[in-house]
Amino acid sequence: MAEALLDGEAEALTRKAVGLALDGDAAVLRLCLERIVPRREREARVALPPIREVAHLPAAMSAIAAAVAEGALTAGEAEALGRLVETFVRVFEAGAIDVRLKEVEAMLGARV
């Protein structure tokens, strides 16, 4: 029932919200802008070193932390980049497991 009532008044409510925003109501202005201008991710402003092996991971995390300290990245952006580095960790772990498994299979195959 509430949805039906609001649907019937959507145009009037929108006009009222825009009017309030234009009159300087900061909360309504923010609401209107969030609907009109969706937030986009900005380009990360940190140069990560190449990550080709496990030994490169600390340098990548240090670069992210330094960018936060300098104000080049927000904490949220750093968290997203940290998850990217974490993905590399899982890739390297999977690669190491694969190598070990092949070594064990080779040893067992040699015994048979």
PDB file of N, CA and C in Angstrom:
ATOM      1  N   MET A   1       0.826  -1.173   0.000  1.00  0.00           N
ATOM      2  CA  MET A   1       0.000   0.000   0.000  1.00  0.00           C
ATOM      3  C   MET A   1       0.886   1.259   0.000  1.00  0.00           C
ATOM      4  N   ALA A   2       1.958   1.226   0.793  1.00  0.00           N
ATOM      5  CA  ALA A   2       2.858   2.378   0.846  1.00  0.00           C
ATOM      6  C   ALA A   2       3.507   2.617  -0.513  1.00  0.00           C
ATOM      7  N   GLU A   3       3.889   1.534  -1.194  1.00  0.00           N
ATOM      8  CA  GLU A   3       4.500   1.681  -2.521  1.00  0.00           C
ATOM      9  C   GLU A   3       3.531   2.314  -3.495  1.00  0.00           C
ATOM     10  N   ALA A   4       2.276   1.902  -3.464  1.00  0.00           N
ATOM     11  CA  ALA A   4       1.277   2.465  -4.365  1.00  0.00           C
ATOM     12  C   ALA A   4       1.100   3.952  -4.096  1.00  0.00           C
ATOM     13  N   LEU A   5       1.075   4.335  -2.829  1.00  0.00           N
ATOM     14  CA  LEU A   5       0.932   5.744  -2.464  1.00  0.00           C
ATOM     15  C   LEU A   5       2.126   6.553  -2.963  1.00  0.00           C
ATOM     16  N   LEU A   6       3.333   6.016  -2.756  1.00  0.00           N
ATOM     17  CA  LEU A   6       4.541   6.714  -3.213  1.00  0.00           C
ATOM     18  C   LEU A   6       4.614   6.776  -4.727  1.00  0.00           C
ATOM     19  N   ASP A   7       4.228   5.685  -5.403  1.00  0.00           N
ATOM     20  CA  ASP A   7       4.242   5.681  -6.865  1.00  0.00           C
ATOM     21  C   ASP A   7       3.363   6.793  -7.414  1.00  0.00           C
ATOM     22  N   GLY A   8       2.229   7.030  -6.781  1.00  0.00           N
ATOM     23  CA  GLY A   8       1.318   8.065  -7.245  1.00  0.00           C
ATOM     24  C   GLY A   8       1.857   9.468  -7.017  1.00  0.00           C
ATOM     25  N   GLU A   9       2.810   9.601  -6.114  1.00  0.00           N
ATOM     26  CA  GLU A   9       3.352  10.912  -5.769  1.00  0.00           C
ATOM     27  C   GLU A   9       4.814  11.082  -6.180  1.00  0.00           C
ATOM     28  N   ALA A  10       5.343  10.166  -6.967  1.00  0.00           N
ATOM     29  CA  ALA A  10       6.762  10.195  -7.315  1.00  0.00           C
ATOM     30  C   ALA A  10       7.173  11.515  -7.959  1.00  0.00           C
ATOM     31  N   GLU A  11       6.400  11.994  -8.884  1.00  0.00           N
ATOM     32  CA  GLU A  11       6.758  13.236  -9.570  1.00  0.00           C
ATOM     33  C   GLU A  11       6.744  14.422  -8.602  1.00  0.00           C
ATOM     34  N   ALA A  12       5.710  14.518  -7.772  1.00  0.00           N
ATOM     35  CA  ALA A  12       5.611  15.624  -6.822  1.00  0.00           C
ATOM     36  C   ALA A  12       6.739  15.554  -5.795  1.00  0.00           C
ATOM     37  N   LEU A  13       7.043  14.338  -5.313  1.00  0.00           N
ATOM     38  CA  LEU A  13       8.121  14.180  -4.332  1.00  0.00           C
ATOM     39  C   LEU A  13       9.478  14.546  -4.941  1.00  0.00           C
ATOM     40  N   THR A  14       9.673  14.146  -6.182  1.00  0.00           N
ATOM     41  CA  THR A  14      10.928  14.471  -6.860  1.00  0.00           C
ATOM     42  C   THR A  14      11.072  15.979  -7.014  1.00  0.00           C
ATOM     43  N   ARG A  15       9.994  16.648  -7.438  1.00  0.00           N
ATOM     44  CA  ARG A  15      10.023  18.102  -7.579  1.00  0.00           C
ATOM     45  C   ARG A  15      10.337  18.773  -6.237  1.00  0.00           C
ATOM     46  N   LYS A  16       9.699  18.287  -5.170  1.00  0.00           N
ATOM     47  CA  LYS A  16       9.911  18.845  -3.832  1.00  0.00           C
ATOM     48  C   LYS A  16      11.364  18.655  -3.390  1.00  0.00           C
ATOM     49  N   ALA A  17      11.917  17.450  -3.627  1.00  0.00           N
ATOM     50  CA  ALA A  17      13.305  17.162  -3.247  1.00  0.00           C
ATOM     51  C   ALA A  17      14.261  18.065  -4.004  1.00  0.00           C
ATOM     52  N   VAL A  18      14.025  18.238  -5.286  1.00  0.00           N
ATOM     53  CA  VAL A  18      14.891  19.112  -6.079  1.00  0.00           C
ATOM     54  C   VAL A  18      14.784  20.543  -5.566  1.00  0.00           C
ATOM     55  N   GLY A  19      13.583  20.984  -5.230  1.00  0.00           N
ATOM     56  CA  GLY A  19      13.396  22.330  -4.690  1.00  0.00           C
ATOM     57  C   GLY A  19      14.139  22.527  -3.384  1.00  0.00           C
ATOM     58  N   LEU A  20      14.037  21.551  -2.496  1.00  0.00           N
ATOM     59  CA  LEU A  20      14.754  21.628  -1.219  1.00  0.00           C
ATOM     60  C   LEU A  20      16.271  21.663  -1.442  1.00  0.00           C
ATOM     61  N   ALA A  21      16.734  20.834  -2.364  1.00  0.00           N
ATOM     62  CA  ALA A  21      18.170  20.805  -2.664  1.00  0.00           C
ATOM     63  C   ALA A  21      18.629  22.151  -3.201  1.00  0.00           C
ATOM     64  N   LEU A  22      17.835  22.736  -4.097  1.00  0.00           N
ATOM     65  CA  LEU A  22      18.188  24.042  -4.658  1.00  0.00           C
ATOM     66  C   LEU A  22      18.138  25.151  -3.610  1.00  0.00           C
ATOM     67  N   ASP A  23      17.317  24.949  -2.577  1.00  0.00           N
ATOM     68  CA  ASP A  23      17.234  25.927  -1.488  1.00  0.00           C
ATOM     69  C   ASP A  23      18.352  25.752  -0.462  1.00  0.00           C
ATOM     70  N   GLY A  24      19.202  24.741  -0.660  1.00  0.00           N
ATOM     71  CA  GLY A  24      20.357  24.587   0.206  1.00  0.00           C
ATOM     72  C   GLY A  24      20.273  23.493   1.246  1.00  0.00           C
ATOM     73  N   ASP A  25      19.270  22.631   1.192  1.00  0.00           N
ATOM     74  CA  ASP A  25      19.180  21.514   2.141  1.00  0.00           C
ATOM     75  C   ASP A  25      20.269  20.500   1.773  1.00  0.00           C
ATOM     76  N   ALA A  26      21.309  20.459   2.579  1.00  0.00           N
ATOM     77  CA  ALA A  26      22.490  19.648   2.254  1.00  0.00           C
ATOM     78  C   ALA A  26      22.170  18.160   2.162  1.00  0.00           C
ATOM     79  N   ALA A  27      21.335  17.651   3.052  1.00  0.00           N
ATOM     80  CA  ALA A  27      21.015  16.219   3.027  1.00  0.00           C
ATOM     81  C   ALA A  27      20.256  15.853   1.760  1.00  0.00           C
ATOM     82  N   VAL A  28      19.291  16.686   1.379  1.00  0.00           N
ATOM     83  CA  VAL A  28      18.526  16.411   0.170  1.00  0.00           C
ATOM     84  C   VAL A  28      19.394  16.612  -1.063  1.00  0.00           C
ATOM     85  N   LEU A  29      20.269  17.612  -1.028  1.00  0.00           N
ATOM     86  CA  LEU A  29      21.191  17.837  -2.140  1.00  0.00           C
ATOM     87  C   LEU A  29      22.070  16.610  -2.352  1.00  0.00           C
ATOM     88  N   ARG A  30      22.617  16.068  -1.261  1.00  0.00           N
ATOM     89  CA  ARG A  30      23.457  14.868  -1.352  1.00  0.00           C
ATOM     90  C   ARG A  30      22.660  13.701  -1.934  1.00  0.00           C
ATOM     91  N   LEU A  31      21.425  13.527  -1.460  1.00  0.00           N
ATOM     92  CA  LEU A  31      20.564  12.464  -1.974  1.00  0.00           C
ATOM     93  C   LEU A  31      20.333  12.619  -3.471  1.00  0.00           C
ATOM     94  N   CYS A  32      20.023  13.841  -3.898  1.00  0.00           N
ATOM     95  CA  CYS A  32      19.785  14.079  -5.326  1.00  0.00           C
ATOM     96  C   CYS A  32      21.033  13.807  -6.152  1.00  0.00           C
ATOM     97  N   LEU A  33      22.177  14.295  -5.676  1.00  0.00           N
ATOM     98  CA  LEU A  33      23.422  14.092  -6.429  1.00  0.00           C
ATOM     99  C   LEU A  33      23.804  12.621  -6.502  1.00  0.00           C
ATOM    100  N   GLU A  34      23.572  11.874  -5.430  1.00  0.00           N
ATOM    101  CA  GLU A  34      23.890  10.445  -5.452  1.00  0.00           C
ATOM    102  C   GLU A  34      23.047   9.706  -6.478  1.00  0.00           C
ATOM    103  N   ARG A  35      21.842  10.178  -6.718  1.00  0.00           N
ATOM    104  CA  ARG A  35      20.971   9.539  -7.704  1.00  0.00           C
ATOM    105  C   ARG A  35      21.292   9.976  -9.126  1.00  0.00           C
ATOM    106  N   ILE A  36      21.703  11.234  -9.262  1.00  0.00           N
ATOM    107  CA  ILE A  36      21.961  11.786 -10.592  1.00  0.00           C
ATOM    108  C   ILE A  36      23.352  11.413 -11.084  1.00  0.00           C
ATOM    109  N   VAL A  37      24.329  11.528 -10.203  1.00  0.00           N
ATOM    110  CA  VAL A  37      25.722  11.285 -10.568  1.00  0.00           C
ATOM    111  C   VAL A  37      26.207  10.062  -9.804  1.00  0.00           C
ATOM    112  N   PRO A  38      26.132   8.877 -10.431  1.00  0.00           N
ATOM    113  CA  PRO A  38      26.583   7.680  -9.717  1.00  0.00           C
ATOM    114  C   PRO A  38      28.086   7.743  -9.450  1.00  0.00           C
ATOM    115  N   ARG A  39      28.473   7.152  -8.332  1.00  0.00           N
ATOM    116  CA  ARG A  39      29.891   7.149  -7.980  1.00  0.00           C
ATOM    117  C   ARG A  39      30.646   6.199  -8.887  1.00  0.00           C
ATOM    118  N   ARG A  40      31.768   6.671  -9.362  1.00  0.00           N
ATOM    119  CA  ARG A  40      32.635   5.837 -10.190  1.00  0.00           C
ATOM    120  C   ARG A  40      33.945   5.644  -9.466  1.00  0.00           C
ATOM    121  N   GLU A  41      34.533   4.510  -9.737  1.00  0.00           N
ATOM    122  CA  GLU A  41      35.855   4.289  -9.147  1.00  0.00           C
ATOM    123  C   GLU A  41      36.834   5.208  -9.850  1.00  0.00           C
ATOM    124  N   ARG A  42      37.711   5.786  -9.080  1.00  0.00           N
ATOM    125  CA  ARG A  42      38.723   6.632  -9.696  1.00  0.00           C
ATOM    126  C   ARG A  42      39.963   5.797  -9.962  1.00  0.00           C
ATOM    127  N   GLU A  43      40.774   6.302 -10.838  1.00  0.00           N
ATOM    128  CA  GLU A  43      42.016   5.605 -11.177  1.00  0.00           C
ATOM    129  C   GLU A  43      42.924   5.575  -9.955  1.00  0.00           C
ATOM    130  N   ALA A  44      43.433   4.399  -9.654  1.00  0.00           N
ATOM    131  CA  ALA A  44      44.333   4.265  -8.507  1.00  0.00           C
ATOM    132  C   ALA A  44      45.613   5.046  -8.784  1.00  0.00           C
ATOM    133  N   ARG A  45      46.011   5.841  -7.811  1.00  0.00           N
ATOM    134  CA  ARG A  45      47.194   6.682  -7.981  1.00  0.00           C
ATOM    135  C   ARG A  45      48.359   6.122  -7.196  1.00  0.00           C
ATOM    136  N   VAL A  46      48.726   4.911  -7.547  1.00  0.00           N
ATOM    137  CA  VAL A  46      49.872   4.276  -6.915  1.00  0.00           C
ATOM    138  C   VAL A  46      50.531   3.377  -7.960  1.00  0.00           C
ATOM    139  N   ALA A  47      51.836   3.436  -8.002  1.00  0.00           N
ATOM    140  CA  ALA A  47      52.576   2.588  -8.932  1.00  0.00           C
ATOM    141  C   ALA A  47      52.992   1.324  -8.187  1.00  0.00           C
ATOM    142  N   LEU A  48      52.307   0.241  -8.486  1.00  0.00           N
ATOM    143  CA  LEU A  48      52.677  -1.029  -7.863  1.00  0.00           C
ATOM    144  C   LEU A  48      53.844  -1.635  -8.624  1.00  0.00           C
ATOM    145  N   PRO A  49      54.786  -2.216  -7.903  1.00  0.00           N
ATOM    146  CA  PRO A  49      55.872  -2.905  -8.605  1.00  0.00           C
ATOM    147  C   PRO A  49      55.316  -4.165  -9.264  1.00  0.00           C
ATOM    148  N   PRO A  50      56.002  -4.670 -10.270  1.00  0.00           N
ATOM    149  CA  PRO A  50      55.546  -5.926 -10.880  1.00  0.00           C
ATOM    150  C   PRO A  50      55.503  -7.032  -9.826  1.00  0.00           C
ATOM    151  N   ILE A  51      54.500  -7.874  -9.910  1.00  0.00           N
ATOM    152  CA  ILE A  51      54.369  -8.980  -8.953  1.00  0.00           C
ATOM    153  C   ILE A  51      54.515 -10.275  -9.757  1.00  0.00           C
ATOM    154  N   ARG A  52      55.741 -10.770  -9.792  1.00  0.00           N
ATOM    155  CA  ARG A  52      56.019 -11.979 -10.568  1.00  0.00           C
ATOM    156  C   ARG A  52      56.336 -13.177  -9.686  1.00  0.00           C
ATOM    157  N   GLU A  53      56.583 -12.897  -8.400  1.00  0.00           N
ATOM    158  CA  GLU A  53      56.896 -13.970  -7.465  1.00  0.00           C
ATOM    159  C   GLU A  53      56.555 -13.520  -6.055  1.00  0.00           C
ATOM    160  N   VAL A  54      56.544 -14.458  -5.131  1.00  0.00           N
ATOM    161  CA  VAL A  54      56.163 -14.187  -3.745  1.00  0.00           C
ATOM    162  C   VAL A  54      57.028 -13.071  -3.146  1.00  0.00           C
ATOM    163  N   ALA A  55      58.272 -13.021  -3.492  1.00  0.00           N
ATOM    164  CA  ALA A  55      59.176 -12.023  -2.928  1.00  0.00           C
ATOM    165  C   ALA A  55      58.771 -10.594  -3.276  1.00  0.00           C
ATOM    166  N   HIS A  56      57.937 -10.407  -4.305  1.00  0.00           N
ATOM    167  CA  HIS A  56      57.507  -9.068  -4.705  1.00  0.00           C
ATOM    168  C   HIS A  56      56.307  -8.560  -3.900  1.00  0.00           C
ATOM    169  N   LEU A  57      55.642  -9.441  -3.174  1.00  0.00           N
ATOM    170  CA  LEU A  57      54.415  -9.067  -2.461  1.00  0.00           C
ATOM    171  C   LEU A  57      54.630  -8.008  -1.373  1.00  0.00           C
ATOM    172  N   PRO A  58      55.671  -8.115  -0.541  1.00  0.00           N
ATOM    173  CA  PRO A  58      55.864  -7.072   0.472  1.00  0.00           C
ATOM    174  C   PRO A  58      56.055  -5.674  -0.131  1.00  0.00           C
ATOM    175  N   ALA A  59      56.761  -5.580  -1.241  1.00  0.00           N
ATOM    176  CA  ALA A  59      56.971  -4.275  -1.881  1.00  0.00           C
ATOM    177  C   ALA A  59      55.646  -3.703  -2.386  1.00  0.00           C
ATOM    178  N   ALA A  60      54.783  -4.568  -2.888  1.00  0.00           N
ATOM    179  CA  ALA A  60      53.477  -4.115  -3.367  1.00  0.00           C
ATOM    180  C   ALA A  60      52.642  -3.577  -2.206  1.00  0.00           C
ATOM    181  N   MET A  61      52.627  -4.298  -1.095  1.00  0.00           N
ATOM    182  CA  MET A  61      51.862  -3.845   0.059  1.00  0.00           C
ATOM    183  C   MET A  61      52.461  -2.568   0.647  1.00  0.00           C
ATOM    184  N   SER A  62      53.775  -2.450   0.625  1.00  0.00           N
ATOM    185  CA  SER A  62      54.428  -1.229   1.109  1.00  0.00           C
ATOM    186  C   SER A  62      54.059  -0.032   0.241  1.00  0.00           C
ATOM    187  N   ALA A  63      53.985  -0.243  -1.062  1.00  0.00           N
ATOM    188  CA  ALA A  63      53.603   0.842  -1.972  1.00  0.00           C
ATOM    189  C   ALA A  63      52.174   1.292  -1.698  1.00  0.00           C
ATOM    190  N   ILE A  64      51.288   0.345  -1.417  1.00  0.00           N
ATOM    191  CA  ILE A  64      49.896   0.681  -1.100  1.00  0.00           C
ATOM    192  C   ILE A  64      49.826   1.474   0.207  1.00  0.00           C
ATOM    193  N   ALA A  65      50.531   1.002   1.230  1.00  0.00           N
ATOM    194  CA  ALA A  65      50.532   1.698   2.524  1.00  0.00           C
ATOM    195  C   ALA A  65      51.108   3.103   2.393  1.00  0.00           C
ATOM    196  N   ALA A  66      52.163   3.248   1.617  1.00  0.00           N
ATOM    197  CA  ALA A  66      52.775   4.570   1.429  1.00  0.00           C
ATOM    198  C   ALA A  66      51.810   5.508   0.704  1.00  0.00           C
ATOM    199  N   ALA A  67      51.070   4.981  -0.258  1.00  0.00           N
ATOM    200  CA  ALA A  67      50.111   5.811  -0.992  1.00  0.00           C
ATOM    201  C   ALA A  67      48.993   6.294  -0.072  1.00  0.00           C
ATOM    202  N   VAL A  68      48.575   5.461   0.865  1.00  0.00           N
ATOM    203  CA  VAL A  68      47.566   5.892   1.844  1.00  0.00           C
ATOM    204  C   VAL A  68      48.151   6.982   2.740  1.00  0.00           C
ATOM    205  N   ALA A  69      49.366   6.771   3.211  1.00  0.00           N
ATOM    206  CA  ALA A  69      50.010   7.745   4.091  1.00  0.00           C
ATOM    207  C   ALA A  69      50.186   9.097   3.396  1.00  0.00           C
ATOM    208  N   GLU A  70      50.429   9.076   2.093  1.00  0.00           N
ATOM    209  CA  GLU A  70      50.618  10.314   1.328  1.00  0.00           C
ATOM    210  C   GLU A  70      49.291  10.952   0.920  1.00  0.00           C
ATOM    211  N   GLY A  71      48.191  10.223   1.095  1.00  0.00           N
ATOM    212  CA  GLY A  71      46.890  10.742   0.693  1.00  0.00           C
ATOM    213  C   GLY A  71      46.541  10.481  -0.762  1.00  0.00           C
ATOM    214  N   ALA A  72      47.357   9.691  -1.450  1.00  0.00           N
ATOM    215  CA  ALA A  72      47.079   9.373  -2.850  1.00  0.00           C
ATOM    216  C   ALA A  72      45.972   8.331  -2.985  1.00  0.00           C
ATOM    217  N   LEU A  73      45.763   7.535  -1.939  1.00  0.00           N
ATOM    218  CA  LEU A  73      44.712   6.518  -1.914  1.00  0.00           C
ATOM    219  C   LEU A  73      43.894   6.672  -0.646  1.00  0.00           C
ATOM    220  N   THR A  74      42.610   6.380  -0.756  1.00  0.00           N
ATOM    221  CA  THR A  74      41.782   6.310   0.448  1.00  0.00           C
ATOM    222  C   THR A  74      41.967   4.931   1.060  1.00  0.00           C
ATOM    223  N   ALA A  75      41.510   4.775   2.283  1.00  0.00           N
ATOM    224  CA  ALA A  75      41.591   3.466   2.932  1.00  0.00           C
ATOM    225  C   ALA A  75      40.797   2.434   2.139  1.00  0.00           C
ATOM    226  N   GLY A  76      39.658   2.809   1.592  1.00  0.00           N
ATOM    227  CA  GLY A  76      38.844   1.888   0.796  1.00  0.00           C
ATOM    228  C   GLY A  76      39.547   1.457  -0.486  1.00  0.00           C
ATOM    229  N   GLU A  77      40.212   2.410  -1.134  1.00  0.00           N
ATOM    230  CA  GLU A  77      40.957   2.078  -2.352  1.00  0.00           C
ATOM    231  C   GLU A  77      42.128   1.155  -2.018  1.00  0.00           C
ATOM    232  N   ALA A  78      42.772   1.414  -0.894  1.00  0.00           N
ATOM    233  CA  ALA A  78      43.881   0.561  -0.465  1.00  0.00           C
ATOM    234  C   ALA A  78      43.382  -0.845  -0.165  1.00  0.00           C
ATOM    235  N   GLU A  79      42.216  -0.938   0.435  1.00  0.00           N
ATOM    236  CA  GLU A  79      41.646  -2.251   0.728  1.00  0.00           C
ATOM    237  C   GLU A  79      41.401  -3.027  -0.559  1.00  0.00           C
ATOM    238  N   ALA A  80      40.870  -2.355  -1.567  1.00  0.00           N
ATOM    239  CA  ALA A  80      40.621  -3.018  -2.851  1.00  0.00           C
ATOM    240  C   ALA A  80      41.926  -3.489  -3.484  1.00  0.00           C
ATOM    241  N   LEU A  81      42.958  -2.658  -3.430  1.00  0.00           N
ATOM    242  CA  LEU A  81      44.260  -3.075  -3.974  1.00  0.00           C
ATOM    243  C   LEU A  81      44.864  -4.191  -3.135  1.00  0.00           C
ATOM    244  N   GLY A  82      44.644  -4.151  -1.832  1.00  0.00           N
ATOM    245  CA  GLY A  82      45.113  -5.234  -0.971  1.00  0.00           C
ATOM    246  C   GLY A  82      44.473  -6.564  -1.352  1.00  0.00           C
ATOM    247  N   ARG A  83      43.194  -6.524  -1.713  1.00  0.00           N
ATOM    248  CA  ARG A  83      42.532  -7.757  -2.166  1.00  0.00           C
ATOM    249  C   ARG A  83      43.146  -8.253  -3.473  1.00  0.00           C
ATOM    250  N   LEU A  84      43.569  -7.328  -4.324  1.00  0.00           N
ATOM    251  CA  LEU A  84      44.241  -7.719  -5.561  1.00  0.00           C
ATOM    252  C   LEU A  84      45.554  -8.431  -5.238  1.00  0.00           C
ATOM    253  N   VAL A  85      46.316  -7.866  -4.308  1.00  0.00           N
ATOM    254  CA  VAL A  85      47.575  -8.502  -3.899  1.00  0.00           C
ATOM    255  C   VAL A  85      47.282  -9.859  -3.264  1.00  0.00           C
ATOM    256  N   GLU A  86      46.208  -9.933  -2.483  1.00  0.00           N
ATOM    257  CA  GLU A  86      45.817 -11.208  -1.868  1.00  0.00           C
ATOM    258  C   GLU A  86      45.507 -12.263  -2.931  1.00  0.00           C
ATOM    259  N   THR A  87      44.958 -11.847  -4.043  1.00  0.00           N
ATOM    260  CA  THR A  87      44.699 -12.779  -5.149  1.00  0.00           C
ATOM    261  C   THR A  87      46.011 -13.353  -5.664  1.00  0.00           C
ATOM    262  N   PHE A  88      47.027 -12.512  -5.757  1.00  0.00           N
ATOM    263  CA  PHE A  88      48.341 -13.001  -6.168  1.00  0.00           C
ATOM    264  C   PHE A  88      48.850 -14.043  -5.178  1.00  0.00           C
ATOM    265  N   VAL A  89      48.638 -13.801  -3.891  1.00  0.00           N
ATOM    266  CA  VAL A  89      49.064 -14.762  -2.860  1.00  0.00           C
ATOM    267  C   VAL A  89      48.436 -16.123  -3.148  1.00  0.00           C
ATOM    268  N   ARG A  90      47.124 -16.133  -3.405  1.00  0.00           N
ATOM    269  CA  ARG A  90      46.436 -17.406  -3.672  1.00  0.00           C
ATOM    270  C   ARG A  90      46.953 -18.068  -4.954  1.00  0.00           C
ATOM    271  N   VAL A  91      47.260 -17.258  -5.954  1.00  0.00           N
ATOM    272  CA  VAL A  91      47.807 -17.817  -7.204  1.00  0.00           C
ATOM    273  C   VAL A  91      49.156 -18.471  -6.935  1.00  0.00           C
ATOM    274  N   PHE A  92      50.011 -17.777  -6.183  1.00  0.00           N
ATOM    275  CA  PHE A  92      51.326 -18.341  -5.872  1.00  0.00           C
ATOM    276  C   PHE A  92      51.202 -19.596  -5.016  1.00  0.00           C
ATOM    277  N   GLU A  93      50.272 -19.596  -4.055  1.00  0.00           N
ATOM    278  CA  GLU A  93      50.059 -20.784  -3.218  1.00  0.00           C
ATOM    279  C   GLU A  93      49.594 -21.956  -4.063  1.00  0.00           C
ATOM    280  N   ALA A  94      48.681 -21.703  -4.984  1.00  0.00           N
ATOM    281  CA  ALA A  94      48.187 -22.774  -5.855  1.00  0.00           C
ATOM    282  C   ALA A  94      49.314 -23.312  -6.727  1.00  0.00           C
ATOM    283  N   GLY A  95      50.161 -22.415  -7.213  1.00  0.00           N
ATOM    284  CA  GLY A  95      51.305 -22.847  -8.025  1.00  0.00           C
ATOM    285  C   GLY A  95      52.266 -23.705  -7.223  1.00  0.00           C
ATOM    286  N   ALA A  96      52.510 -23.319  -5.981  1.00  0.00           N
ATOM    287  CA  ALA A  96      53.423 -24.085  -5.122  1.00  0.00           C
ATOM    288  C   ALA A  96      52.838 -25.462  -4.824  1.00  0.00           C
ATOM    289  N   ILE A  97      51.546 -25.522  -4.574  1.00  0.00           N
ATOM    290  CA  ILE A  97      50.893 -26.818  -4.319  1.00  0.00           C
ATOM    291  C   ILE A  97      50.993 -27.702  -5.555  1.00  0.00           C
ATOM    292  N   ASP A  98      50.799 -27.105  -6.728  1.00  0.00           N
ATOM    293  CA  ASP A  98      50.882 -27.874  -7.966  1.00  0.00           C
ATOM    294  C   ASP A  98      52.282 -28.450  -8.162  1.00  0.00           C
ATOM    295  N   VAL A  99      53.297 -27.650  -7.882  1.00  0.00           N
ATOM    296  CA  VAL A  99      54.686 -28.125  -8.022  1.00  0.00           C
ATOM    297  C   VAL A  99      54.942 -29.280  -7.067  1.00  0.00           C
ATOM    298  N   ARG A 100      54.532 -29.117  -5.804  1.00  0.00           N
ATOM    299  CA  ARG A 100      54.746 -30.179  -4.812  1.00  0.00           C
ATOM    300  C   ARG A 100      54.007 -31.455  -5.188  1.00  0.00           C
ATOM    301  N   LEU A 101      52.786 -31.310  -5.660  1.00  0.00           N
ATOM    302  CA  LEU A 101      52.005 -32.476  -6.058  1.00  0.00           C
ATOM    303  C   LEU A 101      52.686 -33.229  -7.200  1.00  0.00           C
ATOM    304  N   LYS A 102      53.186 -32.497  -8.160  1.00  0.00           N
ATOM    305  CA  LYS A 102      53.890 -33.137  -9.281  1.00  0.00           C
ATOM    306  C   LYS A 102      55.154 -33.846  -8.812  1.00  0.00           C
ATOM    307  N   GLU A 103      55.846 -33.254  -7.838  1.00  0.00           N
ATOM    308  CA  GLU A 103      57.044 -33.896  -7.292  1.00  0.00           C
ATOM    309  C   GLU A 103      56.687 -35.199  -6.582  1.00  0.00           C
ATOM    310  N   VAL A 104      55.612 -35.174  -5.796  1.00  0.00           N
ATOM    311  CA  VAL A 104      55.169 -36.383  -5.089  1.00  0.00           C
ATOM    312  C   VAL A 104      54.739 -37.444  -6.099  1.00  0.00           C
ATOM    313  N   GLU A 105      53.994 -37.041  -7.123  1.00  0.00           N
ATOM    314  CA  GLU A 105      53.558 -37.997  -8.142  1.00  0.00           C
ATOM    315  C   GLU A 105      54.745 -38.593  -8.858  1.00  0.00           C
ATOM    316  N   ALA A 106      55.764 -37.781  -9.142  1.00  0.00           N
ATOM    317  CA  ALA A 106      56.966 -38.278  -9.811  1.00  0.00           C
ATOM    318  C   ALA A 106      57.690 -39.281  -8.922  1.00  0.00           C
ATOM    319  N   MET A 107      57.784 -38.974  -7.607  1.00  0.00           N
ATOM    320  CA  MET A 107      58.447 -39.897  -6.690  1.00  0.00           C
ATOM    321  C   MET A 107      57.668 -41.209  -6.604  1.00  0.00           C
ATOM    322  N   LEU A 108      56.364 -41.134  -6.522  1.00  0.00           N
ATOM    323  CA  LEU A 108      55.551 -42.349  -6.436  1.00  0.00           C
ATOM    324  C   LEU A 108      55.591 -43.142  -7.736  1.00  0.00           C
ATOM    325  N   GLY A 109      55.616 -42.428  -8.850  1.00  0.00           N
ATOM    326  CA  GLY A 109      55.687 -43.103 -10.152  1.00  0.00           C
ATOM    327  C   GLY A 109      56.998 -43.818 -10.354  1.00  0.00           C
ATOM    328  N   ALA A 110      58.059 -43.258  -9.789  1.00  0.00           N
ATOM    329  CA  ALA A 110      59.380 -43.886  -9.902  1.00  0.00           C
ATOM    330  C   ALA A 110      59.451 -45.174  -9.110  1.00  0.00           C
ATOM    331  N   ARG A 111      58.651 -45.296  -8.047  1.00  0.00           N
ATOM    332  CA  ARG A 111      58.668 -46.480  -7.203  1.00  0.00           C
ATOM    333  C   ARG A 111      57.863 -47.623  -7.803  1.00  0.00           C
ATOM    334  N   VAL A 112      56.916 -47.302  -8.657  1.00  0.00           N
ATOM    335  CA  VAL A 112      56.030 -48.344  -9.182  1.00  0.00           C
ATOM    336  C   VAL A 112      56.654 -49.107 -10.288  1.00  0.00           C
TER     337      VAL A 112
END
